[in-house]
């Protein structure tokens, strides 16, 4: 698998509730992340992802764009916690090292119910 495929599979596993499997398969032992709501270590984010999966078993992740540039992969996706949820736009930036995810950034934007933009967010 190339890094793009690994990043996508990681997110799909996490979204489906298979967080532990995603971590075992793709996360480097020295992993760090930049989510401002949790400590920057791998375990704090993993626990938060597992809790989110338990609270939102209907969660869906729809890929919009995936871009790879050297050791970086950027994934733009639409995440809905429930089927009738309007959802959020998410951008994940992965930094790979030794074929594993070494670092992760995530940027979230709520999808507005009413927008004057005729093209929408996706």
PDB file of N, CA and C in Angstrom:
ATOM      1  N   UNK A   1       0.829  -1.186   0.000  1.00  0.00           N
ATOM      2  CA  UNK A   1       0.000   0.000   0.000  1.00  0.00           C
ATOM      3  C   UNK A   1       0.875   1.252   0.000  1.00  0.00           C
ATOM      4  N   UNK A   2       0.444   2.263  -0.748  1.00  0.00           N
ATOM      5  CA  UNK A   2       1.151   3.534  -0.675  1.00  0.00           C
ATOM      6  C   UNK A   2       0.595   4.353   0.490  1.00  0.00           C
ATOM      7  N   UNK A   3       1.214   5.488   0.765  1.00  0.00           N
ATOM      8  CA  UNK A   3       0.798   6.290   1.920  1.00  0.00           C
ATOM      9  C   UNK A   3      -0.631   6.815   1.788  1.00  0.00           C
ATOM     10  N   UNK A   4      -1.049   7.165   0.570  1.00  0.00           N
ATOM     11  CA  UNK A   4      -2.435   7.609   0.369  1.00  0.00           C
ATOM     12  C   UNK A   4      -3.411   6.513   0.789  1.00  0.00           C
ATOM     13  N   UNK A   5      -3.147   5.305   0.343  1.00  0.00           N
ATOM     14  CA  UNK A   5      -4.029   4.175   0.685  1.00  0.00           C
ATOM     15  C   UNK A   5      -4.018   3.901   2.186  1.00  0.00           C
ATOM     16  N   UNK A   6      -2.857   4.021   2.806  1.00  0.00           N
ATOM     17  CA  UNK A   6      -2.761   3.810   4.257  1.00  0.00           C
ATOM     18  C   UNK A   6      -3.557   4.864   5.021  1.00  0.00           C
ATOM     19  N   UNK A   7      -3.442   6.126   4.625  1.00  0.00           N
ATOM     20  CA  UNK A   7      -4.171   7.212   5.300  1.00  0.00           C
ATOM     21  C   UNK A   7      -5.678   6.997   5.170  1.00  0.00           C
ATOM     22  N   UNK A   8      -6.127   6.650   3.980  1.00  0.00           N
ATOM     23  CA  UNK A   8      -7.554   6.411   3.754  1.00  0.00           C
ATOM     24  C   UNK A   8      -8.033   5.216   4.560  1.00  0.00           C
ATOM     25  N   UNK A   9      -7.285   4.132   4.543  1.00  0.00           N
ATOM     26  CA  UNK A   9      -7.689   2.946   5.299  1.00  0.00           C
ATOM     27  C   UNK A   9      -7.721   3.249   6.791  1.00  0.00           C
ATOM     28  N   UNK A  10      -6.739   3.995   7.280  1.00  0.00           N
ATOM     29  CA  UNK A  10      -6.724   4.387   8.687  1.00  0.00           C
ATOM     30  C   UNK A  10      -8.017   5.118   9.042  1.00  0.00           C
ATOM     31  N   UNK A  11      -8.389   6.129   8.262  1.00  0.00           N
ATOM     32  CA  UNK A  11      -9.599   6.899   8.553  1.00  0.00           C
ATOM     33  C   UNK A  11     -10.863   6.045   8.446  1.00  0.00           C
ATOM     34  N   UNK A  12     -10.916   5.170   7.453  1.00  0.00           N
ATOM     35  CA  UNK A  12     -12.092   4.314   7.307  1.00  0.00           C
ATOM     36  C   UNK A  12     -12.218   3.333   8.473  1.00  0.00           C
ATOM     37  N   UNK A  13     -11.114   2.796   8.925  1.00  0.00           N
ATOM     38  CA  UNK A  13     -11.140   1.911  10.090  1.00  0.00           C
ATOM     39  C   UNK A  13     -11.604   2.672  11.332  1.00  0.00           C
ATOM     40  N   UNK A  14     -11.049   3.862  11.545  1.00  0.00           N
ATOM     41  CA  UNK A  14     -11.434   4.668  12.706  1.00  0.00           C
ATOM     42  C   UNK A  14     -12.919   5.021  12.641  1.00  0.00           C
ATOM     43  N   UNK A  15     -13.397   5.460  11.477  1.00  0.00           N
ATOM     44  CA  UNK A  15     -14.804   5.844  11.326  1.00  0.00           C
ATOM     45  C   UNK A  15     -15.748   4.671  11.562  1.00  0.00           C
ATOM     46  N   UNK A  16     -15.304   3.475  11.225  1.00  0.00           N
ATOM     47  CA  UNK A  16     -16.153   2.291  11.404  1.00  0.00           C
ATOM     48  C   UNK A  16     -16.068   1.716  12.814  1.00  0.00           C
ATOM     49  N   UNK A  17     -15.226   2.310  13.669  1.00  0.00           N
ATOM     50  CA  UNK A  17     -15.115   1.841  15.043  1.00  0.00           C
ATOM     51  C   UNK A  17     -13.953   0.912  15.304  1.00  0.00           C
ATOM     52  N   UNK A  18     -13.159   0.619  14.288  1.00  0.00           N
ATOM     53  CA  UNK A  18     -12.012  -0.283  14.441  1.00  0.00           C
ATOM     54  C   UNK A  18     -10.744   0.521  14.743  1.00  0.00           C
ATOM     55  N   UNK A  19     -10.815   1.309  15.784  1.00  0.00           N
ATOM     56  CA  UNK A  19      -9.739   2.232  16.135  1.00  0.00           C
ATOM     57  C   UNK A  19      -8.464   1.478  16.501  1.00  0.00           C
ATOM     58  N   UNK A  20      -8.577   0.484  17.346  1.00  0.00           N
ATOM     59  CA  UNK A  20      -7.401  -0.278  17.777  1.00  0.00           C
ATOM     60  C   UNK A  20      -6.701  -0.923  16.582  1.00  0.00           C
ATOM     61  N   UNK A  21      -7.488  -1.489  15.675  1.00  0.00           N
ATOM     62  CA  UNK A  21      -6.920  -2.106  14.482  1.00  0.00           C
ATOM     63  C   UNK A  21      -6.174  -1.070  13.640  1.00  0.00           C
ATOM     64  N   UNK A  22      -6.751   0.124  13.492  1.00  0.00           N
ATOM     65  CA  UNK A  22      -6.117   1.195  12.724  1.00  0.00           C
ATOM     66  C   UNK A  22      -4.773   1.577  13.340  1.00  0.00           C
ATOM     67  N   UNK A  23      -4.749   1.682  14.667  1.00  0.00           N
ATOM     68  CA  UNK A  23      -3.515   2.058  15.363  1.00  0.00           C
ATOM     69  C   UNK A  23      -2.439   0.978  15.215  1.00  0.00           C
ATOM     70  N   UNK A  24      -2.806  -0.262  15.416  1.00  0.00           N
ATOM     71  CA  UNK A  24      -1.844  -1.369  15.319  1.00  0.00           C
ATOM     72  C   UNK A  24      -1.257  -1.438  13.906  1.00  0.00           C
ATOM     73  N   UNK A  25      -2.106  -1.229  12.924  1.00  0.00           N
ATOM     74  CA  UNK A  25      -1.700  -1.385  11.529  1.00  0.00           C
ATOM     75  C   UNK A  25      -0.873  -0.212  10.997  1.00  0.00           C
ATOM     76  N   UNK A  26      -1.172   1.014  11.436  1.00  0.00           N
ATOM     77  CA  UNK A  26      -0.614   2.175  10.756  1.00  0.00           C
ATOM     78  C   UNK A  26       0.130   3.205  11.609  1.00  0.00           C
ATOM     79  N   UNK A  27       0.041   3.164  12.916  1.00  0.00           N
ATOM     80  CA  UNK A  27       0.589   4.239  13.742  1.00  0.00           C
ATOM     81  C   UNK A  27       1.980   3.894  14.262  1.00  0.00           C
ATOM     82  N   UNK A  28       2.903   4.828  14.053  1.00  0.00           N
ATOM     83  CA  UNK A  28       4.279   4.690  14.511  1.00  0.00           C
ATOM     84  C   UNK A  28       4.347   4.755  16.039  1.00  0.00           C
ATOM     85  N   UNK A  29       5.327   4.116  16.627  1.00  0.00           N
ATOM     86  CA  UNK A  29       5.464   4.089  18.092  1.00  0.00           C
ATOM     87  C   UNK A  29       5.720   5.484  18.673  1.00  0.00           C
ATOM     88  N   UNK A  30       6.268   6.381  17.880  1.00  0.00           N
ATOM     89  CA  UNK A  30       6.535   7.747  18.346  1.00  0.00           C
ATOM     90  C   UNK A  30       5.490   8.748  17.825  1.00  0.00           C
ATOM     91  N   UNK A  31       4.317   8.262  17.483  1.00  0.00           N
ATOM     92  CA  UNK A  31       3.227   9.086  16.940  1.00  0.00           C
ATOM     93  C   UNK A  31       2.903  10.268  17.849  1.00  0.00           C
ATOM     94  N   UNK A  32       2.622  11.394  17.208  1.00  0.00           N
ATOM     95  CA  UNK A  32       2.106  12.553  17.933  1.00  0.00           C
ATOM     96  C   UNK A  32       1.050  13.218  17.055  1.00  0.00           C
ATOM     97  N   UNK A  33       0.154  13.966  17.707  1.00  0.00           N
ATOM     98  CA  UNK A  33      -0.915  14.632  16.970  1.00  0.00           C
ATOM     99  C   UNK A  33      -1.076  16.053  17.483  1.00  0.00           C
ATOM    100  N   UNK A  34      -1.875  16.828  16.748  1.00  0.00           N
ATOM    101  CA  UNK A  34      -2.019  18.254  17.052  1.00  0.00           C
ATOM    102  C   UNK A  34      -3.454  18.649  17.317  1.00  0.00           C
ATOM    103  N   UNK A  35      -4.303  17.706  17.739  1.00  0.00           N
ATOM    104  CA  UNK A  35      -5.680  18.035  18.110  1.00  0.00           C
ATOM    105  C   UNK A  35      -5.610  18.812  19.424  1.00  0.00           C
ATOM    106  N   UNK A  36      -6.117  20.064  19.445  1.00  0.00           N
ATOM    107  CA  UNK A  36      -5.947  20.907  20.622  1.00  0.00           C
ATOM    108  C   UNK A  36      -6.783  20.490  21.833  1.00  0.00           C
ATOM    109  N   UNK A  37      -7.665  19.517  21.660  1.00  0.00           N
ATOM    110  CA  UNK A  37      -8.551  19.117  22.750  1.00  0.00           C
ATOM    111  C   UNK A  37      -8.018  17.943  23.578  1.00  0.00           C
ATOM    112  N   UNK A  38      -6.871  17.390  23.173  1.00  0.00           N
ATOM    113  CA  UNK A  38      -6.311  16.224  23.851  1.00  0.00           C
ATOM    114  C   UNK A  38      -4.805  16.375  23.970  1.00  0.00           C
ATOM    115  N   UNK A  39      -4.243  15.671  24.922  1.00  0.00           N
ATOM    116  CA  UNK A  39      -2.800  15.602  25.036  1.00  0.00           C
ATOM    117  C   UNK A  39      -2.246  15.057  23.714  1.00  0.00           C
ATOM    118  N   UNK A  40      -1.015  15.402  23.359  1.00  0.00           N
ATOM    119  CA  UNK A  40      -0.478  15.087  22.038  1.00  0.00           C
ATOM    120  C   UNK A  40       0.018  13.677  21.805  1.00  0.00           C
ATOM    121  N   UNK A  41      -0.168  12.768  22.753  1.00  0.00           N
ATOM    122  CA  UNK A  41       0.324  11.401  22.595  1.00  0.00           C
ATOM    123  C   UNK A  41      -0.695  10.511  21.883  1.00  0.00           C
ATOM    124  N   UNK A  42      -0.230   9.369  21.422  1.00  0.00           N
ATOM    125  CA  UNK A  42      -1.068   8.433  20.676  1.00  0.00           C
ATOM    126  C   UNK A  42      -2.237   7.906  21.502  1.00  0.00           C
ATOM    127  N   UNK A  43      -1.992   7.554  22.753  1.00  0.00           N
ATOM    128  CA  UNK A  43      -3.044   6.941  23.570  1.00  0.00           C
ATOM    129  C   UNK A  43      -4.214   7.876  23.833  1.00  0.00           C
ATOM    130  N   UNK A  44      -3.945   9.151  24.082  1.00  0.00           N
ATOM    131  CA  UNK A  44      -5.058  10.068  24.372  1.00  0.00           C
ATOM    132  C   UNK A  44      -5.974  10.211  23.164  1.00  0.00           C
ATOM    133  N   UNK A  45      -5.406  10.299  21.968  1.00  0.00           N
ATOM    134  CA  UNK A  45      -6.242  10.407  20.776  1.00  0.00           C
ATOM    135  C   UNK A  45      -6.963   9.091  20.496  1.00  0.00           C
ATOM    136  N   UNK A  46      -6.285   7.968  20.682  1.00  0.00           N
ATOM    137  CA  UNK A  46      -6.916   6.659  20.462  1.00  0.00           C
ATOM    138  C   UNK A  46      -8.125   6.490  21.367  1.00  0.00           C
ATOM    139  N   UNK A  47      -7.986   6.811  22.645  1.00  0.00           N
ATOM    140  CA  UNK A  47      -9.093   6.687  23.595  1.00  0.00           C
ATOM    141  C   UNK A  47     -10.253   7.591  23.168  1.00  0.00           C
ATOM    142  N   UNK A  48      -9.955   8.814  22.755  1.00  0.00           N
ATOM    143  CA  UNK A  48     -11.002   9.733  22.305  1.00  0.00           C
ATOM    144  C   UNK A  48     -11.700   9.200  21.055  1.00  0.00           C
ATOM    145  N   UNK A  49     -10.947   8.618  20.143  1.00  0.00           N
ATOM    146  CA  UNK A  49     -11.536   8.043  18.926  1.00  0.00           C
ATOM    147  C   UNK A  49     -12.423   6.843  19.260  1.00  0.00           C
ATOM    148  N   UNK A  50     -11.981   6.019  20.203  1.00  0.00           N
ATOM    149  CA  UNK A  50     -12.785   4.863  20.613  1.00  0.00           C
ATOM    150  C   UNK A  50     -14.086   5.318  21.268  1.00  0.00           C
ATOM    151  N   UNK A  51     -14.012   6.324  22.111  1.00  0.00           N
ATOM    152  CA  UNK A  51     -15.205   6.862  22.770  1.00  0.00           C
ATOM    153  C   UNK A  51     -16.165   7.453  21.742  1.00  0.00           C
ATOM    154  N   UNK A  52     -15.627   8.185  20.786  1.00  0.00           N
ATOM    155  CA  UNK A  52     -16.455   8.770  19.730  1.00  0.00           C
ATOM    156  C   UNK A  52     -17.143   7.675  18.915  1.00  0.00           C
ATOM    157  N   UNK A  53     -16.435   6.599  18.635  1.00  0.00           N
ATOM    158  CA  UNK A  53     -17.017   5.492  17.874  1.00  0.00           C
ATOM    159  C   UNK A  53     -18.158   4.827  18.654  1.00  0.00           C
ATOM    160  N   UNK A  54     -17.997   4.677  19.964  1.00  0.00           N
ATOM    161  CA  UNK A  54     -19.056   4.092  20.792  1.00  0.00           C
ATOM    162  C   UNK A  54     -20.283   4.990  20.821  1.00  0.00           C
ATOM    163  N   UNK A  55     -20.068   6.294  20.909  1.00  0.00           N
ATOM    164  CA  UNK A  55     -21.171   7.248  20.991  1.00  0.00           C
ATOM    165  C   UNK A  55     -21.859   7.470  19.649  1.00  0.00           C
ATOM    166  N   UNK A  56     -21.179   7.156  18.552  1.00  0.00           N
ATOM    167  CA  UNK A  56     -21.698   7.433  17.207  1.00  0.00           C
ATOM    168  C   UNK A  56     -21.551   6.225  16.289  1.00  0.00           C
ATOM    169  N   UNK A  57     -22.288   5.146  16.553  1.00  0.00           N
ATOM    170  CA  UNK A  57     -22.134   3.927  15.746  1.00  0.00           C
ATOM    171  C   UNK A  57     -22.612   4.075  14.298  1.00  0.00           C
ATOM    172  N   UNK A  58     -23.362   5.133  13.979  1.00  0.00           N
ATOM    173  CA  UNK A  58     -23.842   5.361  12.615  1.00  0.00           C
ATOM    174  C   UNK A  58     -22.898   6.253  11.804  1.00  0.00           C
ATOM    175  N   UNK A  59     -21.771   6.621  12.362  1.00  0.00           N
ATOM    176  CA  UNK A  59     -20.859   7.565  11.717  1.00  0.00           C
ATOM    177  C   UNK A  59     -20.477   7.104  10.312  1.00  0.00           C
ATOM    178  N   UNK A  60     -20.455   8.073   9.384  1.00  0.00           N
ATOM    179  CA  UNK A  60     -19.991   7.791   8.026  1.00  0.00           C
ATOM    180  C   UNK A  60     -18.898   8.785   7.650  1.00  0.00           C
ATOM    181  N   UNK A  61     -17.990   8.326   6.831  1.00  0.00           N
ATOM    182  CA  UNK A  61     -16.909   9.138   6.310  1.00  0.00           C
ATOM    183  C   UNK A  61     -16.951   9.014   4.798  1.00  0.00           C
ATOM    184  N   UNK A  62     -17.141  10.134   4.114  1.00  0.00           N
ATOM    185  CA  UNK A  62     -17.176  10.147   2.651  1.00  0.00           C
ATOM    186  C   UNK A  62     -15.978  10.942   2.156  1.00  0.00           C
ATOM    187  N   UNK A  63     -15.099  10.270   1.430  1.00  0.00           N
ATOM    188  CA  UNK A  63     -13.895  10.922   0.920  1.00  0.00           C
ATOM    189  C   UNK A  63     -14.251  11.915  -0.178  1.00  0.00           C
ATOM    190  N   UNK A  64     -13.587  13.057  -0.152  1.00  0.00           N
ATOM    191  CA  UNK A  64     -13.764  14.073  -1.174  1.00  0.00           C
ATOM    192  C   UNK A  64     -12.493  14.221  -2.018  1.00  0.00           C
ATOM    193  N   UNK A  65     -11.348  14.329  -1.358  1.00  0.00           N
ATOM    194  CA  UNK A  65     -10.066  14.474  -2.050  1.00  0.00           C
ATOM    195  C   UNK A  65      -8.964  13.832  -1.216  1.00  0.00           C
ATOM    196  N   UNK A  66      -7.978  13.279  -1.912  1.00  0.00           N
ATOM    197  CA  UNK A  66      -6.785  12.742  -1.242  1.00  0.00           C
ATOM    198  C   UNK A  66      -5.579  13.177  -2.068  1.00  0.00           C
ATOM    199  N   UNK A  67      -4.627  13.826  -1.398  1.00  0.00           N
ATOM    200  CA  UNK A  67      -3.452  14.357  -2.078  1.00  0.00           C
ATOM    201  C   UNK A  67      -2.209  13.877  -1.338  1.00  0.00           C
ATOM    202  N   UNK A  68      -1.220  13.444  -2.096  1.00  0.00           N
ATOM    203  CA  UNK A  68       0.048  13.020  -1.497  1.00  0.00           C
ATOM    204  C   UNK A  68       1.167  13.896  -2.038  1.00  0.00           C
ATOM    205  N   UNK A  69       2.023  14.347  -1.147  1.00  0.00           N
ATOM    206  CA  UNK A  69       3.189  15.131  -1.522  1.00  0.00           C
ATOM    207  C   UNK A  69       4.349  14.658  -0.653  1.00  0.00           C
ATOM    208  N   UNK A  70       5.174  13.818  -1.213  1.00  0.00           N
ATOM    209  CA  UNK A  70       6.292  13.265  -0.451  1.00  0.00           C
ATOM    210  C   UNK A  70       5.798  12.458   0.728  1.00  0.00           C
ATOM    211  N   UNK A  71       6.218  12.820   1.931  1.00  0.00           N
ATOM    212  CA  UNK A  71       5.840  12.070   3.128  1.00  0.00           C
ATOM    213  C   UNK A  71       4.535  12.586   3.749  1.00  0.00           C
ATOM    214  N   UNK A  72       3.870  13.544   3.084  1.00  0.00           N
ATOM    215  CA  UNK A  72       2.607  14.086   3.589  1.00  0.00           C
ATOM    216  C   UNK A  72       1.421  13.604   2.749  1.00  0.00           C
ATOM    217  N   UNK A  73       0.323  13.312   3.429  1.00  0.00           N
ATOM    218  CA  UNK A  73      -0.935  12.965   2.764  1.00  0.00           C
ATOM    219  C   UNK A  73      -2.024  13.836   3.375  1.00  0.00           C
ATOM    220  N   UNK A  74      -2.834  14.441   2.515  1.00  0.00           N
ATOM    221  CA  UNK A  74      -3.946  15.280   2.958  1.00  0.00           C
ATOM    222  C   UNK A  74      -5.242  14.626   2.493  1.00  0.00           C
ATOM    223  N   UNK A  75      -6.164  14.436   3.448  1.00  0.00           N
ATOM    224  CA  UNK A  75      -7.453  13.824   3.136  1.00  0.00           C
ATOM    225  C   UNK A  75      -8.555  14.802   3.528  1.00  0.00           C
ATOM    226  N   UNK A  76      -9.373  15.168   2.545  1.00  0.00           N
ATOM    227  CA  UNK A  76     -10.543  16.026   2.753  1.00  0.00           C
ATOM    228  C   UNK A  76     -11.757  15.111   2.731  1.00  0.00           C
ATOM    229  N   UNK A  77     -12.564  15.151   3.771  1.00  0.00           N
ATOM    230  CA  UNK A  77     -13.700  14.239   3.854  1.00  0.00           C
ATOM    231  C   UNK A  77     -14.912  14.918   4.466  1.00  0.00           C
ATOM    232  N   UNK A  78     -16.042  14.274   4.306  1.00  0.00           N
ATOM    233  CA  UNK A  78     -17.318  14.710   4.872  1.00  0.00           C
ATOM    234  C   UNK A  78     -17.713  13.659   5.896  1.00  0.00           C
ATOM    235  N   UNK A  79     -17.834  14.058   7.146  1.00  0.00           N
ATOM    236  CA  UNK A  79     -18.167  13.125   8.224  1.00  0.00           C
ATOM    237  C   UNK A  79     -19.531  13.477   8.794  1.00  0.00           C
ATOM    238  N   UNK A  80     -20.363  12.443   8.907  1.00  0.00           N
ATOM    239  CA  UNK A  80     -21.686  12.593   9.519  1.00  0.00           C
ATOM    240  C   UNK A  80     -21.760  11.615  10.687  1.00  0.00           C
ATOM    241  N   UNK A  81     -22.180  12.102  11.841  1.00  0.00           N
ATOM    242  CA  UNK A  81     -22.278  11.241  13.013  1.00  0.00           C
ATOM    243  C   UNK A  81     -23.529  10.383  12.997  1.00  0.00           C
ATOM    244  N   UNK A  82     -24.581  10.873  12.364  1.00  0.00           N
ATOM    245  CA  UNK A  82     -25.839  10.135  12.204  1.00  0.00           C
ATOM    246  C   UNK A  82     -26.314  10.323  10.767  1.00  0.00           C
ATOM    247  N   UNK A  83     -27.182   9.457  10.294  1.00  0.00           N
ATOM    248  CA  UNK A  83     -27.609   9.517   8.897  1.00  0.00           C
ATOM    249  C   UNK A  83     -28.304  10.832   8.543  1.00  0.00           C
ATOM    250  N   UNK A  84     -29.012  11.430   9.495  1.00  0.00           N
ATOM    251  CA  UNK A  84     -29.726  12.678   9.206  1.00  0.00           C
ATOM    252  C   UNK A  84     -28.923  13.923   9.613  1.00  0.00           C
ATOM    253  N   UNK A  85     -27.680  13.735  10.006  1.00  0.00           N
ATOM    254  CA  UNK A  85     -26.784  14.813  10.425  1.00  0.00           C
ATOM    255  C   UNK A  85     -26.286  15.569   9.193  1.00  0.00           C
ATOM    256  N   UNK A  86     -26.157  16.890   9.297  1.00  0.00           N
ATOM    257  CA  UNK A  86     -25.619  17.681   8.187  1.00  0.00           C
ATOM    258  C   UNK A  86     -24.113  17.471   8.045  1.00  0.00           C
ATOM    259  N   UNK A  87     -23.440  17.199   9.140  1.00  0.00           N
ATOM    260  CA  UNK A  87     -22.045  16.799   9.113  1.00  0.00           C
ATOM    261  C   UNK A  87     -21.041  17.929   9.208  1.00  0.00           C
ATOM    262  N   UNK A  88     -19.786  17.541   9.051  1.00  0.00           N
ATOM    263  CA  UNK A  88     -18.654  18.465   9.083  1.00  0.00           C
ATOM    264  C   UNK A  88     -17.703  18.135   7.940  1.00  0.00           C
ATOM    265  N   UNK A  89     -16.988  19.156   7.505  1.00  0.00           N
ATOM    266  CA  UNK A  89     -15.880  18.950   6.581  1.00  0.00           C
ATOM    267  C   UNK A  89     -14.637  18.745   7.430  1.00  0.00           C
ATOM    268  N   UNK A  90     -13.871  17.751   7.104  1.00  0.00           N
ATOM    269  CA  UNK A  90     -12.662  17.433   7.857  1.00  0.00           C
ATOM    270  C   UNK A  90     -11.473  17.363   6.916  1.00  0.00           C
ATOM    271  N   UNK A  91     -10.368  17.941   7.339  1.00  0.00           N
ATOM    272  CA  UNK A  91      -9.108  17.795   6.624  1.00  0.00           C
ATOM    273  C   UNK A  91      -8.122  17.169   7.594  1.00  0.00           C
ATOM    274  N   UNK A  92      -7.591  16.034   7.215  1.00  0.00           N
ATOM    275  CA  UNK A  92      -6.547  15.373   7.999  1.00  0.00           C
ATOM    276  C   UNK A  92      -5.243  15.487   7.223  1.00  0.00           C
ATOM    277  N   UNK A  93      -4.203  15.881   7.913  1.00  0.00           N
ATOM    278  CA  UNK A  93      -2.875  15.926   7.321  1.00  0.00           C
ATOM    279  C   UNK A  93      -2.016  14.900   8.051  1.00  0.00           C
ATOM    280  N   UNK A  94      -1.525  13.939   7.301  1.00  0.00           N
ATOM    281  CA  UNK A  94      -0.701  12.856   7.844  1.00  0.00           C
ATOM    282  C   UNK A  94       0.746  13.074   7.437  1.00  0.00           C
ATOM    283  N   UNK A  95       1.654  12.862   8.373  1.00  0.00           N
ATOM    284  CA  UNK A  95       3.083  12.809   8.048  1.00  0.00           C
ATOM    285  C   UNK A  95       3.536  11.376   8.289  1.00  0.00           C
ATOM    286  N   UNK A  96       4.075  10.778   7.244  1.00  0.00           N
ATOM    287  CA  UNK A  96       4.546   9.396   7.340  1.00  0.00           C
ATOM    288  C   UNK A  96       6.052   9.367   7.547  1.00  0.00           C
ATOM    289  N   UNK A  97       6.469   8.383   8.316  1.00  0.00           N
ATOM    290  CA  UNK A  97       7.883   8.127   8.567  1.00  0.00           C
ATOM    291  C   UNK A  97       8.040   6.623   8.676  1.00  0.00           C
ATOM    292  N   UNK A  98       8.988   6.068   7.963  1.00  0.00           N
ATOM    293  CA  UNK A  98       9.208   4.613   7.972  1.00  0.00           C
ATOM    294  C   UNK A  98       7.916   3.857   7.666  1.00  0.00           C
ATOM    295  N   UNK A  99       7.134   4.398   6.711  1.00  0.00           N
ATOM    296  CA  UNK A  99       5.909   3.769   6.217  1.00  0.00           C
ATOM    297  C   UNK A  99       4.761   3.747   7.221  1.00  0.00           C
ATOM    298  N   UNK A 100       4.883   4.488   8.339  1.00  0.00           N
ATOM    299  CA  UNK A 100       3.829   4.564   9.349  1.00  0.00           C
ATOM    300  C   UNK A 100       3.459   6.022   9.603  1.00  0.00           C
ATOM    301  N   UNK A 101       2.288   6.224  10.190  1.00  0.00           N
ATOM    302  CA  UNK A 101       1.841   7.575  10.518  1.00  0.00           C
ATOM    303  C   UNK A 101       2.616   8.049  11.747  1.00  0.00           C
ATOM    304  N   UNK A 102       3.395   9.091  11.556  1.00  0.00           N
ATOM    305  CA  UNK A 102       4.208   9.626  12.644  1.00  0.00           C
ATOM    306  C   UNK A 102       3.572  10.862  13.269  1.00  0.00           C
ATOM    307  N   UNK A 103       2.755  11.573  12.473  1.00  0.00           N
ATOM    308  CA  UNK A 103       2.179  12.823  12.965  1.00  0.00           C
ATOM    309  C   UNK A 103       0.855  13.071  12.245  1.00  0.00           C
ATOM    310  N   UNK A 104      -0.077  13.706  12.965  1.00  0.00           N
ATOM    311  CA  UNK A 104      -1.415  13.933  12.414  1.00  0.00           C
ATOM    312  C   UNK A 104      -1.960  15.275  12.866  1.00  0.00           C
ATOM    313  N   UNK A 105      -2.502  16.007  11.908  1.00  0.00           N
ATOM    314  CA  UNK A 105      -3.238  17.249  12.171  1.00  0.00           C
ATOM    315  C   UNK A 105      -4.656  17.033  11.671  1.00  0.00           C
ATOM    316  N   UNK A 106      -5.647  17.625  12.344  1.00  0.00           N
ATOM    317  CA  UNK A 106      -7.022  17.565  11.844  1.00  0.00           C
ATOM    318  C   UNK A 106      -7.675  18.933  11.978  1.00  0.00           C
ATOM    319  N   UNK A 107      -8.372  19.316  10.929  1.00  0.00           N
ATOM    320  CA  UNK A 107      -9.028  20.617  10.848  1.00  0.00           C
ATOM    321  C   UNK A 107     -10.498  20.358  10.538  1.00  0.00           C
ATOM    322  N   UNK A 108     -11.389  20.946  11.348  1.00  0.00           N
ATOM    323  CA  UNK A 108     -12.825  20.677  11.223  1.00  0.00           C
ATOM    324  C   UNK A 108     -13.568  21.967  10.907  1.00  0.00           C
ATOM    325  N   UNK A 109     -14.546  21.858  10.004  1.00  0.00           N
ATOM    326  CA  UNK A 109     -15.423  22.983   9.694  1.00  0.00           C
ATOM    327  C   UNK A 109     -16.851  22.469   9.629  1.00  0.00           C
ATOM    328  N   UNK A 110     -17.736  23.081  10.407  1.00  0.00           N
ATOM    329  CA  UNK A 110     -19.146  22.696  10.386  1.00  0.00           C
ATOM    330  C   UNK A 110     -19.755  23.019   9.031  1.00  0.00           C
ATOM    331  N   UNK A 111     -20.640  22.152   8.567  1.00  0.00           N
ATOM    332  CA  UNK A 111     -21.384  22.406   7.344  1.00  0.00           C
ATOM    333  C   UNK A 111     -22.581  23.283   7.720  1.00  0.00           C
ATOM    334  N   UNK A 112     -22.700  24.470   7.144  1.00  0.00           N
ATOM    335  CA  UNK A 112     -23.822  25.330   7.500  1.00  0.00           C
ATOM    336  C   UNK A 112     -25.127  24.832   6.879  1.00  0.00           C
ATOM    337  N   UNK A 113     -26.216  25.038   7.591  1.00  0.00           N
ATOM    338  CA  UNK A 113     -27.516  24.641   7.049  1.00  0.00           C
ATOM    339  C   UNK A 113     -27.877  25.471   5.827  1.00  0.00           C
ATOM    340  N   UNK A 114     -27.589  26.753   5.868  1.00  0.00           N
ATOM    341  CA  UNK A 114     -27.887  27.653   4.750  1.00  0.00           C
ATOM    342  C   UNK A 114     -26.610  28.377   4.369  1.00  0.00           C
ATOM    343  N   UNK A 115     -26.277  28.297   3.097  1.00  0.00           N
ATOM    344  CA  UNK A 115     -25.082  28.969   2.614  1.00  0.00           C
ATOM    345  C   UNK A 115     -25.415  29.679   1.303  1.00  0.00           C
ATOM    346  N   UNK A 116     -24.902  30.877   1.109  1.00  0.00           N
ATOM    347  CA  UNK A 116     -25.134  31.559  -0.155  1.00  0.00           C
ATOM    348  C   UNK A 116     -24.297  30.982  -1.306  1.00  0.00           C
ATOM    349  N   UNK A 117     -23.352  30.094  -0.999  1.00  0.00           N
ATOM    350  CA  UNK A 117     -22.489  29.517  -2.021  1.00  0.00           C
ATOM    351  C   UNK A 117     -23.236  28.433  -2.781  1.00  0.00           C
ATOM    352  N   UNK A 118     -23.472  28.684  -4.058  1.00  0.00           N
ATOM    353  CA  UNK A 118     -24.239  27.742  -4.894  1.00  0.00           C
ATOM    354  C   UNK A 118     -23.512  26.429  -5.166  1.00  0.00           C
ATOM    355  N   UNK A 119     -22.208  26.355  -4.871  1.00  0.00           N
ATOM    356  CA  UNK A 119     -21.441  25.137  -5.122  1.00  0.00           C
ATOM    357  C   UNK A 119     -21.376  24.231  -3.909  1.00  0.00           C
ATOM    358  N   UNK A 120     -21.740  24.726  -2.723  1.00  0.00           N
ATOM    359  CA  UNK A 120     -21.706  23.921  -1.516  1.00  0.00           C
ATOM    360  C   UNK A 120     -20.302  23.622  -1.061  1.00  0.00           C
ATOM    361  N   UNK A 121     -20.194  22.917   0.016  1.00  0.00           N
ATOM    362  CA  UNK A 121     -18.888  22.598   0.587  1.00  0.00           C
ATOM    363  C   UNK A 121     -18.230  21.397  -0.083  1.00  0.00           C
ATOM    364  N   UNK A 122     -19.021  20.591  -0.754  1.00  0.00           N
ATOM    365  CA  UNK A 122     -18.462  19.383  -1.323  1.00  0.00           C
ATOM    366  C   UNK A 122     -18.739  19.315  -2.810  1.00  0.00           C
TER     367      UNK A 122
END
